[in-house]
Structure formats: C-alpha cells, structure tokens
C-alpha cells in the first residue's frame, strides 16, 4: 500500500490534534487517580444505624467542618428493577427539616413528584424537581410540622413519578421505623 502525498499531509495535520486529545485524557485520568484517595478520606462515615426500614448515615462531606447525619431509605420498584428512589431527611444548621428525594433520570420534570401518605394526597400540587445530576433528579422541600406528623404516624408513603405523558409510576416507601429514626437524627444534631 502506498501513501499518496495528500494522505501523508492529512496524517501530519491530524498528529497535533491526536496529541492534544491524548494529553487531555492523561490529565483527566491523572486527576481522577490523585483525587480518589482525598475524596475517600473526606467522606469517611460511621457505621449505619437502622430503625425499621430506615437508616441513619453520618459522614463529613467535602468542605464541611463537622459531620452531618441523615435519615434515609432507598427502594427499587417491584415491577421494574431499573427504577429506584432514595428518600433522605436532613436537619440544616438553621434547624430546618429537609426532605430530599432522588428520582431516576428520565422523569418528566414539569410533572413534579407526587406524594401520598396512606392514600392521602399531600399538598395541592406535586413537589417540584430542582435539578438533575448523574445519580438522578432531585426534589427538595422544607418539612413543616403537619407533614412530619404524617410521616411519623403513617405506614406507607407513595412517591409518584411521571415517565411519559401516558405513564406514571407509584413507588411505595415504608414508614416503619421513621419516627424513632427521626428522633435519633434530632438527638444527633443537638449533640453537636
């Protein structure tokens, strides 16, 4: 096989671009390798403590001065194993109670996240999604006393996601252990 002069010129022009791409790949891989031990050291957590179907998980997020704890539960849809949901309750430094729900990517954002506790609709409209990240789409609200009482007294929370205009999915989350878990989370935040 012979190389024509035009083919040789195109190869010579491609070499700097190839070198730049290889240099970029080397930098990215090197950054990931060198950042891995630091990220691990910063996110070291205490063992999880369980309360029924809920867990308390504590760790020190990158950049935080103190350890933070959360009450959480992760569930997988019984009918579709690729659809999961993570429900997280946090207490902020200002004393606000926050519920953060991480729904799967691909939900229709304008439809929000529906919530029912023991078949009773919560709120007059769905909870809004605030952003999507690689791990999923996030809905986050401040939890007022009335809603917290419903979580504490309820047996099942039903989170409703919309995947297409024709199809929604209701994912049940057990509230077994929620009340005791939330009490423990509150005690941990006061102990700081």
Protein backbone atom coordinates (compact mmCIF):
# COMPACT_ATOMS: atom_id res chain seq x y z
CA UNK A 1 0.00 0.00 0.00
CA UNK A 2 1.43 3.36 -0.97
CA UNK A 3 0.71 6.63 0.72
CA UNK A 4 -0.17 9.49 -1.56
CA UNK A 5 1.18 12.97 -0.74
CA UNK A 6 -2.32 14.19 0.15
CA UNK A 7 -2.81 11.24 2.55
CA UNK A 8 0.53 11.96 4.23
CA UNK A 9 -0.39 15.66 4.63
CA UNK A 10 -3.73 14.74 6.28
CA UNK A 11 -1.94 12.40 8.70
CA UNK A 12 0.59 15.12 9.57
CA UNK A 13 -2.27 17.59 10.24
CA UNK A 14 -4.03 15.05 12.48
CA UNK A 15 -0.98 14.41 14.70
CA UNK A 16 -1.25 17.66 16.76
CA UNK A 17 -4.98 17.07 17.35
CA UNK A 18 -4.31 13.48 18.41
CA UNK A 19 -1.52 14.64 20.73
CA UNK A 20 -3.84 17.23 22.31
CA UNK A 21 -6.57 14.62 22.87
CA UNK A 22 -4.07 12.18 24.42
CA UNK A 23 -2.70 14.91 26.70
CA UNK A 24 -6.23 15.80 27.83
CA UNK A 25 -7.08 12.13 28.53
CA UNK A 26 -3.84 11.76 30.53
CA UNK A 27 -4.64 14.85 32.62
CA UNK A 28 -8.22 13.71 33.34
CA UNK A 29 -7.17 10.16 34.30
CA UNK A 30 -4.33 11.51 36.44
CA UNK A 31 -6.74 13.88 38.20
CA UNK A 32 -9.18 11.08 38.93
CA UNK A 33 -6.46 8.84 40.32
CA UNK A 34 -4.93 11.54 42.52
CA UNK A 35 -8.36 12.76 43.74
CA UNK A 36 -9.63 9.32 44.70
CA UNK A 37 -7.72 8.95 48.00
CA UNK A 38 -8.62 12.52 49.06
CA UNK A 39 -12.32 12.02 48.33
CA UNK A 40 -12.30 8.76 50.28
CA UNK A 41 -10.63 10.40 53.27
CA UNK A 42 -13.13 13.27 53.33
CA UNK A 43 -16.25 11.15 53.12
CA UNK A 44 -15.38 8.51 55.71
CA UNK A 45 -18.59 7.56 57.50
CA UNK A 46 -19.60 5.93 60.75
CA UNK A 47 -21.43 2.60 60.50
CA UNK A 48 -25.09 2.95 59.61
CA UNK A 49 -27.72 2.53 62.32
CA UNK A 50 -31.11 1.06 61.35
CA UNK A 51 -34.59 1.95 62.55
CA UNK A 52 -37.08 -0.39 60.90
CA UNK A 53 -36.76 0.24 57.16
CA UNK A 54 -34.81 3.50 57.67
CA UNK A 55 -31.11 4.10 58.30
CA UNK A 56 -29.09 6.87 59.87
CA UNK A 57 -25.93 7.55 57.90
CA UNK A 58 -23.28 10.04 59.04
CA UNK A 59 -20.26 11.44 57.26
CA UNK A 60 -18.23 14.55 56.71
CA UNK A 61 -18.91 15.97 53.25
CA UNK A 62 -16.01 17.61 51.38
CA UNK A 63 -15.55 21.15 52.63
CA UNK A 64 -17.74 20.71 55.71
CA UNK A 65 -16.35 21.48 59.16
CA UNK A 66 -18.47 18.95 61.01
CA UNK A 67 -20.01 15.57 60.43
CA UNK A 68 -23.57 15.52 59.13
CA UNK A 69 -26.17 12.83 59.52
CA UNK A 70 -29.25 11.92 57.50
CA UNK A 71 -32.18 9.55 57.84
CA UNK A 72 -32.65 7.68 54.58
CA UNK A 73 -34.22 4.81 52.71
CA UNK A 74 -33.55 3.52 49.20
CA UNK A 75 -36.15 1.47 47.35
CA UNK A 76 -36.39 -0.28 43.99
CA UNK A 77 -39.67 -0.53 42.10
CA UNK A 78 -41.05 -4.09 42.37
CA UNK A 79 -42.09 -4.18 38.70
CA UNK A 80 -39.00 -2.54 37.17
CA UNK A 81 -35.65 -3.13 38.84
CA UNK A 82 -34.04 -0.22 36.96
CA UNK A 83 -36.33 2.32 38.67
CA UNK A 84 -35.25 3.32 42.15
CA UNK A 85 -35.89 6.10 44.61
CA UNK A 86 -33.90 7.46 47.54
CA UNK A 87 -35.63 9.45 50.29
CA UNK A 88 -33.40 11.48 52.61
CA UNK A 89 -34.28 13.59 55.66
CA UNK A 90 -31.72 16.15 56.85
CA UNK A 91 -31.55 18.80 59.54
CA UNK A 92 -29.86 22.02 58.48
CA UNK A 93 -27.63 24.13 60.72
CA UNK A 94 -30.54 26.61 60.94
CA UNK A 95 -32.83 23.88 62.30
CA UNK A 96 -34.87 23.37 59.12
CA UNK A 97 -36.05 19.85 58.36
CA UNK A 98 -35.43 18.98 54.72
CA UNK A 99 -36.77 16.07 52.70
CA UNK A 100 -34.73 15.33 49.58
CA UNK A 101 -35.94 12.73 47.10
CA UNK A 102 -33.67 11.42 44.35
CA UNK A 103 -35.77 10.01 41.49
CA UNK A 104 -34.40 8.21 38.42
CA UNK A 105 -33.20 10.14 35.39
CA UNK A 106 -35.78 10.31 32.63
CA UNK A 107 -38.72 11.57 34.71
CA UNK A 108 -40.79 14.32 33.14
CA UNK A 109 -39.67 17.30 35.22
CA UNK A 110 -42.71 19.59 34.68
CA UNK A 111 -45.00 16.98 36.28
CA UNK A 112 -43.05 17.04 39.55
CA UNK A 113 -43.12 14.38 42.24
CA UNK A 114 -46.47 13.29 43.66
CA UNK A 115 -46.72 12.26 47.32
CA UNK A 116 -49.38 10.38 49.23
CA UNK A 117 -49.16 9.11 52.78
CA UNK A 118 -51.54 6.22 53.47
CA UNK A 119 -53.51 7.11 50.31
CA UNK A 120 -53.97 10.76 51.36
CA UNK A 121 -52.62 13.25 48.79
CA UNK A 122 -50.04 15.62 50.29
CA UNK A 123 -50.28 19.18 49.06
CA UNK A 124 -52.42 20.59 46.29
CA UNK A 125 -49.71 20.14 43.65
CA UNK A 126 -46.71 17.86 43.09
CA UNK A 127 -43.34 18.65 44.63
CA UNK A 128 -41.05 20.36 42.10
CA UNK A 129 -37.77 18.93 40.86
CA UNK A 130 -34.94 21.39 41.45
CA UNK A 131 -32.11 19.81 39.43
CA UNK A 132 -30.83 16.63 37.84
CA UNK A 133 -27.41 15.11 38.42
CA UNK A 134 -25.86 11.88 37.12
CA UNK A 135 -27.34 9.95 40.08
CA UNK A 136 -30.90 11.18 39.44
CA UNK A 137 -33.34 14.10 39.58
CA UNK A 138 -33.75 15.81 42.92
CA UNK A 139 -36.83 17.20 44.62
CA UNK A 140 -36.31 19.01 47.91
CA UNK A 141 -38.70 20.67 50.35
CA UNK A 142 -38.71 22.10 53.86
CA UNK A 143 -40.79 19.76 56.05
CA UNK A 144 -43.34 21.56 58.23
CA UNK A 145 -44.80 20.10 61.44
CA UNK A 146 -48.02 18.81 59.82
CA UNK A 147 -46.14 16.84 57.15
CA UNK A 148 -43.61 15.49 59.66
CA UNK A 149 -46.50 14.22 61.83
CA UNK A 150 -47.98 12.41 58.82
CA UNK A 151 -44.65 10.69 58.16
CA UNK A 152 -44.35 9.73 61.84
CA UNK A 153 -47.90 8.34 62.10
CA UNK A 154 -48.18 6.82 58.61
CA UNK A 155 -47.40 3.32 57.39
CA UNK A 156 -46.58 3.95 53.70
CA UNK A 157 -45.51 6.95 51.65
CA UNK A 158 -46.24 6.68 47.95
CA UNK A 159 -43.99 8.72 45.66
CA UNK A 160 -45.40 9.19 42.16
CA UNK A 161 -43.12 9.88 39.20
CA UNK A 162 -44.18 10.51 35.60
CA UNK A 163 -42.03 8.91 32.91
CA UNK A 164 -44.17 9.73 29.87
CA UNK A 165 -47.39 11.71 29.42
CA UNK A 166 -49.24 8.40 29.39
CA UNK A 167 -47.35 6.58 32.15
CA UNK A 168 -46.76 7.33 35.81
CA UNK A 169 -45.26 5.11 38.45
CA UNK A 170 -46.08 4.97 42.16
CA UNK A 171 -43.20 3.76 44.33
CA UNK A 172 -44.10 2.77 47.90
CA UNK A 173 -41.72 3.66 50.75
CA UNK A 174 -42.27 2.02 54.13
CA UNK A 175 -42.54 4.35 57.11
CA UNK A 176 -41.75 1.57 59.58
CA UNK A 177 -39.12 2.97 61.96
CA UNK A 178 -39.34 6.52 60.61
CA UNK A 179 -40.49 8.10 63.88
CA UNK A 180 -37.73 6.56 66.01
CA UNK A 181 -35.16 7.23 63.30
CA UNK A 182 -36.15 10.89 63.10
CA UNK A 183 -35.95 11.21 66.90
CA UNK A 184 -32.42 9.77 66.75
CA UNK A 185 -31.47 12.15 63.92
CA UNK A 186 -32.73 15.10 66.01
CA UNK A 187 -30.74 13.91 69.05
CA UNK A 188 -27.58 13.62 66.93
CA UNK A 189 -27.98 17.18 65.64
CA UNK A 190 -28.42 18.53 69.19
CA UNK A 191 -25.34 16.65 70.43
CA UNK A 192 -23.05 18.74 68.18
